[in-house]
Amino acid sequence: MSQHNPVFEVSLFTDGACSGNPGPGGWAFVLRHLPTGHESEESGGVPETTNNRMELEAVVQGLQRLKRPCRVELFTDSVYVGKGMTEWMPNWKKNGWKRKEKSKLVPVKNEELWRKLDTLISKHSVKYTRVAGHSGHPENDRCDELAVEAYQKYLNS
């Protein structure tokens, strides 16, 4: 996650949500191209998942929309995603996508999504910025709204 030029081209705002954990879940992102101000947003949901999976899925989906290498500032309220990207992933990769648990190595949870994220961030210069969830941050609130809408169709089904 090196940064050769600190000028960001894209802001990516993401959020995931679940009704129960596990339960029906949704993810959402808002992608803003800074030079033009153009924005796009997308969301999706699944009938049975976890909040952490949805937080990861939102970032993966957002980064997959980029058509060329970009300088991206990722805004998320997910400590799981942030610590995973900045602290945990290097050791997981070194240990064959395993993490230490009670002095032994066990598979990383959500490994396929972490691997996708690893591939995507290797194509871009990504800076992680944590935002407080449900705190009046307009883009984070919008992502939360979209993610909740995305899973609501799975409630009572």
N, C-alpha and C. Protein backbone atom coordinates (compact mmCIF):
# COMPACT_ATOMS: atom_id res chain seq x y z
N MET A 1 0.83 -1.17 0.00
CA MET A 1 0.00 0.00 0.00
C MET A 1 0.88 1.25 0.00
N SER A 2 1.79 1.28 -0.90
CA SER A 2 2.68 2.43 -0.97
C SER A 2 1.95 3.59 -1.62
N GLN A 3 2.45 4.75 -1.35
CA GLN A 3 1.83 5.94 -1.89
C GLN A 3 2.92 6.81 -2.47
N HIS A 4 3.03 6.81 -3.78
CA HIS A 4 4.08 7.59 -4.42
C HIS A 4 3.64 9.04 -4.55
N ASN A 5 2.37 9.27 -4.78
CA ASN A 5 1.83 10.60 -4.95
C ASN A 5 0.63 10.74 -4.04
N PRO A 6 0.65 11.70 -3.12
CA PRO A 6 -0.43 11.80 -2.15
C PRO A 6 -1.73 12.37 -2.70
N VAL A 7 -1.79 12.76 -3.97
CA VAL A 7 -3.02 13.30 -4.52
C VAL A 7 -3.97 12.14 -4.85
N PHE A 8 -5.14 12.15 -4.23
CA PHE A 8 -6.10 11.06 -4.44
C PHE A 8 -6.99 11.38 -5.62
N GLU A 9 -7.25 10.37 -6.42
CA GLU A 9 -8.16 10.51 -7.55
C GLU A 9 -9.56 10.09 -7.17
N VAL A 10 -9.66 9.13 -6.23
CA VAL A 10 -10.94 8.51 -5.93
C VAL A 10 -11.11 8.41 -4.42
N SER A 11 -12.33 8.71 -3.97
CA SER A 11 -12.72 8.41 -2.60
C SER A 11 -13.71 7.26 -2.66
N LEU A 12 -13.47 6.24 -1.85
CA LEU A 12 -14.35 5.07 -1.78
C LEU A 12 -14.90 4.99 -0.36
N PHE A 13 -16.21 5.12 -0.23
CA PHE A 13 -16.89 5.03 1.05
C PHE A 13 -17.63 3.70 1.07
N THR A 14 -17.49 2.92 2.14
CA THR A 14 -18.10 1.59 2.17
C THR A 14 -18.77 1.32 3.52
N ASP A 15 -19.71 0.39 3.50
CA ASP A 15 -20.31 -0.10 4.74
C ASP A 15 -20.97 -1.44 4.47
N GLY A 16 -21.05 -2.23 5.54
CA GLY A 16 -21.76 -3.49 5.52
C GLY A 16 -22.74 -3.50 6.68
N ALA A 17 -23.79 -4.29 6.56
CA ALA A 17 -24.79 -4.36 7.63
C ALA A 17 -25.39 -5.75 7.66
N CYS A 18 -25.82 -6.15 8.84
CA CYS A 18 -26.46 -7.45 9.03
C CYS A 18 -27.63 -7.31 9.99
N SER A 19 -28.66 -8.10 9.76
CA SER A 19 -29.75 -8.22 10.72
C SER A 19 -29.53 -9.54 11.44
N GLY A 20 -28.88 -9.46 12.60
CA GLY A 20 -28.37 -10.66 13.26
C GLY A 20 -26.97 -10.90 12.73
N ASN A 21 -26.20 -11.67 13.43
CA ASN A 21 -24.82 -11.92 12.99
C ASN A 21 -24.45 -13.35 13.39
N PRO A 22 -24.71 -14.35 12.54
CA PRO A 22 -25.10 -14.23 11.13
C PRO A 22 -26.59 -13.93 10.95
N GLY A 23 -26.89 -13.52 9.73
CA GLY A 23 -28.26 -13.23 9.33
C GLY A 23 -28.25 -12.61 7.95
N PRO A 24 -29.39 -12.09 7.50
CA PRO A 24 -29.42 -11.40 6.22
C PRO A 24 -28.47 -10.20 6.26
N GLY A 25 -27.72 -10.02 5.17
CA GLY A 25 -26.73 -8.95 5.17
C GLY A 25 -26.72 -8.16 3.89
N GLY A 26 -26.18 -6.95 3.99
CA GLY A 26 -26.06 -6.08 2.83
C GLY A 26 -24.74 -5.34 2.85
N TRP A 27 -24.31 -4.92 1.68
CA TRP A 27 -23.09 -4.13 1.52
C TRP A 27 -23.42 -2.97 0.59
N ALA A 28 -22.61 -1.91 0.69
CA ALA A 28 -22.82 -0.76 -0.18
C ALA A 28 -21.54 0.06 -0.28
N PHE A 29 -21.43 0.78 -1.38
CA PHE A 29 -20.33 1.73 -1.53
C PHE A 29 -20.79 2.95 -2.30
N VAL A 30 -20.09 4.05 -2.04
CA VAL A 30 -20.19 5.27 -2.83
C VAL A 30 -18.78 5.53 -3.34
N LEU A 31 -18.65 5.69 -4.64
CA LEU A 31 -17.36 5.92 -5.27
C LEU A 31 -17.39 7.33 -5.87
N ARG A 32 -16.42 8.15 -5.49
CA ARG A 32 -16.37 9.54 -5.99
C ARG A 32 -15.05 9.77 -6.71
N HIS A 33 -15.15 10.20 -7.98
CA HIS A 33 -13.97 10.58 -8.76
C HIS A 33 -13.70 12.04 -8.43
N LEU A 34 -12.60 12.31 -7.73
CA LEU A 34 -12.35 13.64 -7.20
C LEU A 34 -12.16 14.72 -8.26
N PRO A 35 -11.41 14.46 -9.35
CA PRO A 35 -11.23 15.54 -10.34
C PRO A 35 -12.55 16.04 -10.95
N THR A 36 -13.53 15.14 -11.14
CA THR A 36 -14.78 15.54 -11.79
C THR A 36 -15.95 15.66 -10.81
N GLY A 37 -15.83 15.05 -9.63
CA GLY A 37 -16.94 15.05 -8.69
C GLY A 37 -17.99 14.00 -9.01
N HIS A 38 -17.79 13.23 -10.09
CA HIS A 38 -18.77 12.20 -10.47
C HIS A 38 -18.85 11.13 -9.38
N GLU A 39 -20.08 10.75 -9.04
CA GLU A 39 -20.29 9.71 -8.02
C GLU A 39 -21.11 8.57 -8.58
N SER A 40 -20.82 7.38 -8.07
CA SER A 40 -21.67 6.23 -8.34
C SER A 40 -21.83 5.48 -7.04
N GLU A 41 -22.93 4.78 -6.92
CA GLU A 41 -23.16 3.98 -5.72
C GLU A 41 -23.77 2.65 -6.13
N GLU A 42 -23.52 1.66 -5.29
CA GLU A 42 -24.04 0.32 -5.56
C GLU A 42 -24.20 -0.40 -4.25
N SER A 43 -25.11 -1.37 -4.25
CA SER A 43 -25.32 -2.18 -3.05
C SER A 43 -25.81 -3.56 -3.47
N GLY A 44 -25.74 -4.47 -2.52
CA GLY A 44 -26.23 -5.83 -2.76
C GLY A 44 -26.42 -6.52 -1.42
N GLY A 45 -27.08 -7.65 -1.47
CA GLY A 45 -27.34 -8.37 -0.23
C GLY A 45 -27.36 -9.87 -0.44
N VAL A 46 -27.30 -10.58 0.67
CA VAL A 46 -27.37 -12.04 0.66
C VAL A 46 -28.22 -12.49 1.85
N PRO A 47 -28.85 -13.67 1.73
CA PRO A 47 -29.78 -14.10 2.77
C PRO A 47 -29.14 -14.51 4.09
N GLU A 48 -27.88 -14.96 4.07
CA GLU A 48 -27.24 -15.46 5.31
C GLU A 48 -25.75 -15.16 5.25
N THR A 49 -25.29 -14.33 6.18
CA THR A 49 -23.89 -13.92 6.17
C THR A 49 -23.53 -13.31 7.52
N THR A 50 -22.33 -12.72 7.58
CA THR A 50 -21.91 -12.02 8.80
C THR A 50 -21.61 -10.56 8.46
N ASN A 51 -21.59 -9.74 9.48
CA ASN A 51 -21.28 -8.33 9.29
C ASN A 51 -19.88 -8.14 8.70
N ASN A 52 -18.90 -8.88 9.21
CA ASN A 52 -17.54 -8.74 8.70
C ASN A 52 -17.45 -9.07 7.21
N ARG A 53 -18.17 -10.11 6.78
CA ARG A 53 -18.17 -10.45 5.35
C ARG A 53 -18.74 -9.30 4.52
N MET A 54 -19.79 -8.69 5.02
CA MET A 54 -20.42 -7.59 4.27
C MET A 54 -19.52 -6.35 4.23
N GLU A 55 -18.81 -6.09 5.32
CA GLU A 55 -17.86 -4.96 5.32
C GLU A 55 -16.78 -5.19 4.27
N LEU A 56 -16.25 -6.41 4.21
CA LEU A 56 -15.23 -6.77 3.22
C LEU A 56 -15.79 -6.72 1.80
N GLU A 57 -16.97 -7.27 1.62
CA GLU A 57 -17.60 -7.31 0.29
C GLU A 57 -17.78 -5.90 -0.27
N ALA A 58 -18.15 -4.95 0.58
CA ALA A 58 -18.34 -3.57 0.13
C ALA A 58 -17.05 -3.00 -0.46
N VAL A 59 -15.93 -3.25 0.21
CA VAL A 59 -14.64 -2.74 -0.27
C VAL A 59 -14.24 -3.43 -1.57
N VAL A 60 -14.39 -4.76 -1.61
CA VAL A 60 -14.05 -5.52 -2.82
C VAL A 60 -14.89 -5.03 -4.00
N GLN A 61 -16.19 -4.90 -3.79
CA GLN A 61 -17.07 -4.46 -4.88
C GLN A 61 -16.70 -3.07 -5.37
N GLY A 62 -16.40 -2.17 -4.44
CA GLY A 62 -16.02 -0.81 -4.83
C GLY A 62 -14.73 -0.77 -5.62
N LEU A 63 -13.71 -1.48 -5.15
CA LEU A 63 -12.43 -1.49 -5.86
C LEU A 63 -12.53 -2.17 -7.21
N GLN A 64 -13.41 -3.16 -7.33
CA GLN A 64 -13.59 -3.85 -8.62
C GLN A 64 -14.17 -2.93 -9.69
N ARG A 65 -14.81 -1.85 -9.30
CA ARG A 65 -15.40 -0.93 -10.28
C ARG A 65 -14.36 -0.04 -10.95
N LEU A 66 -13.17 0.05 -10.36
CA LEU A 66 -12.13 0.92 -10.92
C LEU A 66 -11.57 0.28 -12.19
N LYS A 67 -11.53 1.05 -13.25
CA LYS A 67 -11.13 0.50 -14.56
C LYS A 67 -9.63 0.59 -14.82
N ARG A 68 -8.91 1.36 -13.99
CA ARG A 68 -7.47 1.49 -14.14
C ARG A 68 -6.86 1.72 -12.76
N PRO A 69 -5.55 1.56 -12.63
CA PRO A 69 -4.93 1.82 -11.33
C PRO A 69 -5.21 3.25 -10.86
N CYS A 70 -5.59 3.39 -9.60
CA CYS A 70 -5.95 4.68 -9.03
C CYS A 70 -5.30 4.88 -7.67
N ARG A 71 -5.25 6.13 -7.26
CA ARG A 71 -4.94 6.46 -5.89
C ARG A 71 -6.28 6.60 -5.18
N VAL A 72 -6.50 5.75 -4.20
CA VAL A 72 -7.80 5.62 -3.56
C VAL A 72 -7.68 5.92 -2.08
N GLU A 73 -8.59 6.75 -1.58
CA GLU A 73 -8.73 6.87 -0.13
C GLU A 73 -10.00 6.13 0.24
N LEU A 74 -9.83 5.08 1.03
CA LEU A 74 -10.93 4.23 1.48
C LEU A 74 -11.42 4.72 2.82
N PHE A 75 -12.69 5.07 2.89
CA PHE A 75 -13.33 5.50 4.13
C PHE A 75 -14.28 4.41 4.58
N THR A 76 -14.03 3.83 5.76
CA THR A 76 -14.89 2.78 6.29
C THR A 76 -14.96 2.88 7.80
N ASP A 77 -16.07 2.42 8.35
CA ASP A 77 -16.18 2.37 9.81
C ASP A 77 -15.75 1.00 10.35
N SER A 78 -15.27 0.13 9.47
CA SER A 78 -14.90 -1.23 9.85
C SER A 78 -13.45 -1.32 10.31
N VAL A 79 -13.26 -1.50 11.61
CA VAL A 79 -11.92 -1.73 12.16
C VAL A 79 -11.38 -3.05 11.62
N TYR A 80 -12.25 -4.03 11.44
CA TYR A 80 -11.88 -5.34 10.90
C TYR A 80 -11.20 -5.19 9.53
N VAL A 81 -11.81 -4.43 8.64
CA VAL A 81 -11.23 -4.21 7.31
C VAL A 81 -9.94 -3.42 7.43
N GLY A 82 -9.94 -2.37 8.20
CA GLY A 82 -8.77 -1.52 8.33
C GLY A 82 -7.57 -2.24 8.91
N LYS A 83 -7.77 -2.93 10.04
CA LYS A 83 -6.66 -3.67 10.65
C LYS A 83 -6.23 -4.82 9.76
N GLY A 84 -7.19 -5.47 9.11
CA GLY A 84 -6.85 -6.56 8.21
C GLY A 84 -5.93 -6.09 7.10
N MET A 85 -6.27 -4.96 6.49
CA MET A 85 -5.46 -4.44 5.38
C MET A 85 -4.09 -3.94 5.85
N THR A 86 -4.07 -3.25 6.98
CA THR A 86 -2.84 -2.55 7.36
C THR A 86 -1.95 -3.34 8.32
N GLU A 87 -2.53 -4.27 9.09
CA GLU A 87 -1.74 -4.98 10.11
C GLU A 87 -1.69 -6.50 9.92
N TRP A 88 -2.83 -7.11 9.67
CA TRP A 88 -2.91 -8.57 9.72
C TRP A 88 -2.51 -9.26 8.42
N MET A 89 -2.88 -8.69 7.28
CA MET A 89 -2.69 -9.38 6.00
C MET A 89 -1.24 -9.79 5.72
N PRO A 90 -0.24 -8.95 6.00
CA PRO A 90 1.13 -9.39 5.71
C PRO A 90 1.49 -10.70 6.42
N ASN A 91 1.09 -10.85 7.68
CA ASN A 91 1.38 -12.10 8.41
C ASN A 91 0.55 -13.26 7.89
N TRP A 92 -0.71 -13.01 7.56
CA TRP A 92 -1.55 -14.07 7.00
C TRP A 92 -0.91 -14.63 5.73
N LYS A 93 -0.47 -13.76 4.87
CA LYS A 93 0.14 -14.19 3.60
C LYS A 93 1.42 -14.98 3.87
N LYS A 94 2.23 -14.46 4.79
CA LYS A 94 3.49 -15.14 5.14
C LYS A 94 3.22 -16.53 5.70
N ASN A 95 2.08 -16.68 6.39
CA ASN A 95 1.71 -17.97 7.01
C ASN A 95 0.74 -18.78 6.16
N GLY A 96 0.69 -18.52 4.86
CA GLY A 96 -0.19 -19.30 3.97
C GLY A 96 -1.66 -19.04 4.23
N TRP A 97 -2.02 -17.78 4.50
CA TRP A 97 -3.40 -17.37 4.79
C TRP A 97 -3.94 -18.07 6.03
N LYS A 98 -3.07 -18.16 7.03
CA LYS A 98 -3.46 -18.70 8.33
C LYS A 98 -3.13 -17.65 9.38
N ARG A 99 -3.86 -17.72 10.50
CA ARG A 99 -3.65 -16.81 11.62
C ARG A 99 -3.41 -17.61 12.89
N LYS A 100 -2.76 -16.99 13.83
CA LYS A 100 -2.49 -17.68 15.10
C LYS A 100 -3.70 -17.61 16.00
N GLU A 101 -4.02 -18.76 16.56
CA GLU A 101 -5.09 -18.86 17.54
C GLU A 101 -4.66 -19.89 18.56
N LYS A 102 -4.49 -19.45 19.80
CA LYS A 102 -4.03 -20.34 20.88
C LYS A 102 -2.78 -21.10 20.46
N SER A 103 -1.80 -20.39 20.00
CA SER A 103 -0.47 -20.88 19.61
C SER A 103 -0.44 -21.86 18.44
N LYS A 104 -1.54 -21.98 17.70
CA LYS A 104 -1.48 -22.79 16.48
C LYS A 104 -2.07 -21.98 15.33
N LEU A 105 -1.72 -22.37 14.11
CA LEU A 105 -2.21 -21.68 12.93
C LEU A 105 -3.54 -22.27 12.47
N VAL A 106 -4.50 -21.39 12.23
CA VAL A 106 -5.83 -21.80 11.75
C VAL A 106 -6.16 -20.96 10.52
N PRO A 107 -7.05 -21.45 9.66
CA PRO A 107 -7.39 -20.69 8.46
C PRO A 107 -7.97 -19.30 8.81
N VAL A 108 -7.64 -18.33 7.99
CA VAL A 108 -8.19 -16.99 8.12
C VAL A 108 -9.68 -17.03 7.76
N LYS A 109 -10.51 -16.40 8.59
CA LYS A 109 -11.94 -16.31 8.26
C LYS A 109 -12.11 -15.39 7.07
N ASN A 110 -13.04 -15.72 6.19
CA ASN A 110 -13.33 -14.94 4.98
C ASN A 110 -12.12 -14.86 4.04
N GLU A 111 -11.37 -15.96 4.01
CA GLU A 111 -10.12 -15.97 3.24
C GLU A 111 -10.30 -15.58 1.78
N GLU A 112 -11.35 -16.06 1.12
CA GLU A 112 -11.51 -15.77 -0.31
C GLU A 112 -11.71 -14.27 -0.53
N LEU A 113 -12.40 -13.60 0.37
CA LEU A 113 -12.59 -12.15 0.22
C LEU A 113 -11.30 -11.40 0.52
N TRP A 114 -10.55 -11.85 1.52
CA TRP A 114 -9.26 -11.22 1.81
C TRP A 114 -8.30 -11.39 0.64
N ARG A 115 -8.32 -12.56 0.00
CA ARG A 115 -7.45 -12.77 -1.16
C ARG A 115 -7.85 -11.84 -2.31
N LYS A 116 -9.16 -11.69 -2.55
CA LYS A 116 -9.63 -10.76 -3.58
C LYS A 116 -9.18 -9.34 -3.26
N LEU A 117 -9.34 -8.96 -2.00
CA LEU A 117 -8.94 -7.61 -1.58
C LEU A 117 -7.44 -7.42 -1.77
N ASP A 118 -6.65 -8.42 -1.42
CA ASP A 118 -5.21 -8.35 -1.58
C ASP A 118 -4.84 -8.11 -3.06
N THR A 119 -5.48 -8.83 -3.95
CA THR A 119 -5.23 -8.66 -5.38
C THR A 119 -5.61 -7.25 -5.84
N LEU A 120 -6.76 -6.78 -5.38
CA LEU A 120 -7.24 -5.46 -5.80
C LEU A 120 -6.35 -4.34 -5.27
N ILE A 121 -5.95 -4.43 -4.00
CA ILE A 121 -5.15 -3.32 -3.47
C ILE A 121 -3.73 -3.32 -4.06
N SER A 122 -3.30 -4.45 -4.60
CA SER A 122 -1.98 -4.47 -5.25
C SER A 122 -2.00 -3.69 -6.57
N LYS A 123 -3.19 -3.44 -7.12
CA LYS A 123 -3.32 -2.71 -8.38
C LYS A 123 -3.44 -1.20 -8.17
N HIS A 124 -3.70 -0.79 -6.94
CA HIS A 124 -3.97 0.61 -6.63
C HIS A 124 -3.09 1.07 -5.48
N SER A 125 -3.06 2.36 -5.28
CA SER A 125 -2.44 2.93 -4.08
C SER A 125 -3.60 3.27 -3.15
N VAL A 126 -3.76 2.49 -2.08
CA VAL A 126 -4.92 2.62 -1.21
C VAL A 126 -4.51 3.11 0.17
N LYS A 127 -5.18 4.16 0.62
CA LYS A 127 -5.00 4.67 1.98
C LYS A 127 -6.30 4.41 2.74
N TYR A 128 -6.18 3.77 3.91
CA TYR A 128 -7.32 3.48 4.75
C TYR A 128 -7.55 4.64 5.72
N THR A 129 -8.79 5.13 5.76
CA THR A 129 -9.19 6.15 6.72
C THR A 129 -10.44 5.66 7.44
N ARG A 130 -10.34 5.57 8.77
CA ARG A 130 -11.48 5.11 9.56
C ARG A 130 -12.41 6.27 9.85
N VAL A 131 -13.70 6.03 9.67
CA VAL A 131 -14.72 7.00 10.08
C VAL A 131 -15.57 6.34 11.16
N ALA A 132 -16.11 7.14 12.05
CA ALA A 132 -17.00 6.62 13.08
C ALA A 132 -18.36 6.32 12.44
N GLY A 133 -18.86 5.11 12.67
CA GLY A 133 -20.16 4.74 12.13
C GLY A 133 -21.29 5.44 12.85
N HIS A 134 -22.37 5.70 12.11
CA HIS A 134 -23.59 6.29 12.69
C HIS A 134 -23.27 7.60 13.42
N SER A 135 -22.42 8.42 12.81
CA SER A 135 -21.97 9.64 13.50
C SER A 135 -22.27 10.90 12.69
N GLY A 136 -23.10 10.79 11.68
CA GLY A 136 -23.42 11.96 10.88
C GLY A 136 -22.47 12.18 9.71
N HIS A 137 -21.62 11.19 9.40
CA HIS A 137 -20.75 11.28 8.22
C HIS A 137 -21.65 10.98 7.02
N PRO A 138 -21.90 11.95 6.13
CA PRO A 138 -22.92 11.78 5.09
C PRO A 138 -22.74 10.55 4.21
N GLU A 139 -21.52 10.30 3.73
CA GLU A 139 -21.32 9.16 2.82
C GLU A 139 -21.42 7.84 3.57
N ASN A 140 -20.90 7.79 4.81
CA ASN A 140 -21.02 6.56 5.59
C ASN A 140 -22.49 6.29 5.91
N ASP A 141 -23.22 7.33 6.25
CA ASP A 141 -24.66 7.16 6.53
C ASP A 141 -25.39 6.68 5.29
N ARG A 142 -25.02 7.20 4.11
CA ARG A 142 -25.66 6.77 2.86
C ARG A 142 -25.35 5.29 2.59
N CYS A 143 -24.10 4.90 2.80
CA CYS A 143 -23.74 3.49 2.60
C CYS A 143 -24.51 2.59 3.56
N ASP A 144 -24.64 3.02 4.81
CA ASP A 144 -25.40 2.24 5.79
C ASP A 144 -26.85 2.09 5.35
N GLU A 145 -27.44 3.18 4.89
CA GLU A 145 -28.83 3.15 4.42
C GLU A 145 -28.99 2.17 3.27
N LEU A 146 -28.08 2.22 2.30
CA LEU A 146 -28.14 1.31 1.15
C LEU A 146 -27.93 -0.14 1.55
N ALA A 147 -26.98 -0.38 2.47
CA ALA A 147 -26.70 -1.76 2.91
C ALA A 147 -27.90 -2.35 3.65
N VAL A 148 -28.54 -1.55 4.49
CA VAL A 148 -29.74 -2.02 5.22
C VAL A 148 -30.86 -2.31 4.23
N GLU A 149 -31.08 -1.40 3.27
CA GLU A 149 -32.10 -1.63 2.23
C GLU A 149 -31.84 -2.94 1.50
N ALA A 150 -30.56 -3.22 1.23
CA ALA A 150 -30.19 -4.41 0.43
C ALA A 150 -30.54 -5.71 1.14
N TYR A 151 -30.48 -5.75 2.48
CA TYR A 151 -30.80 -7.01 3.15
C TYR A 151 -32.27 -7.12 3.54
N GLN A 152 -33.00 -6.01 3.51
CA GLN A 152 -34.37 -6.05 3.99
C GLN A 152 -35.26 -7.00 3.20
N LYS A 153 -34.96 -7.20 1.92
CA LYS A 153 -35.77 -8.12 1.11
C LYS A 153 -35.65 -9.56 1.59
N TYR A 154 -34.61 -9.86 2.39
CA TYR A 154 -34.42 -11.23 2.89
C TYR A 154 -35.08 -11.45 4.25
N LEU A 155 -35.58 -10.40 4.86
CA LEU A 155 -36.25 -10.54 6.15
C LEU A 155 -37.60 -11.19 5.94
N ASN A 156 -38.00 -12.05 6.84
CA ASN A 156 -39.32 -12.73 6.78
C ASN A 156 -39.52 -13.50 5.49
N SER A 157 -38.42 -14.02 4.92
CA SER A 157 -38.61 -14.81 3.69
C SER A 157 -38.29 -16.26 3.94
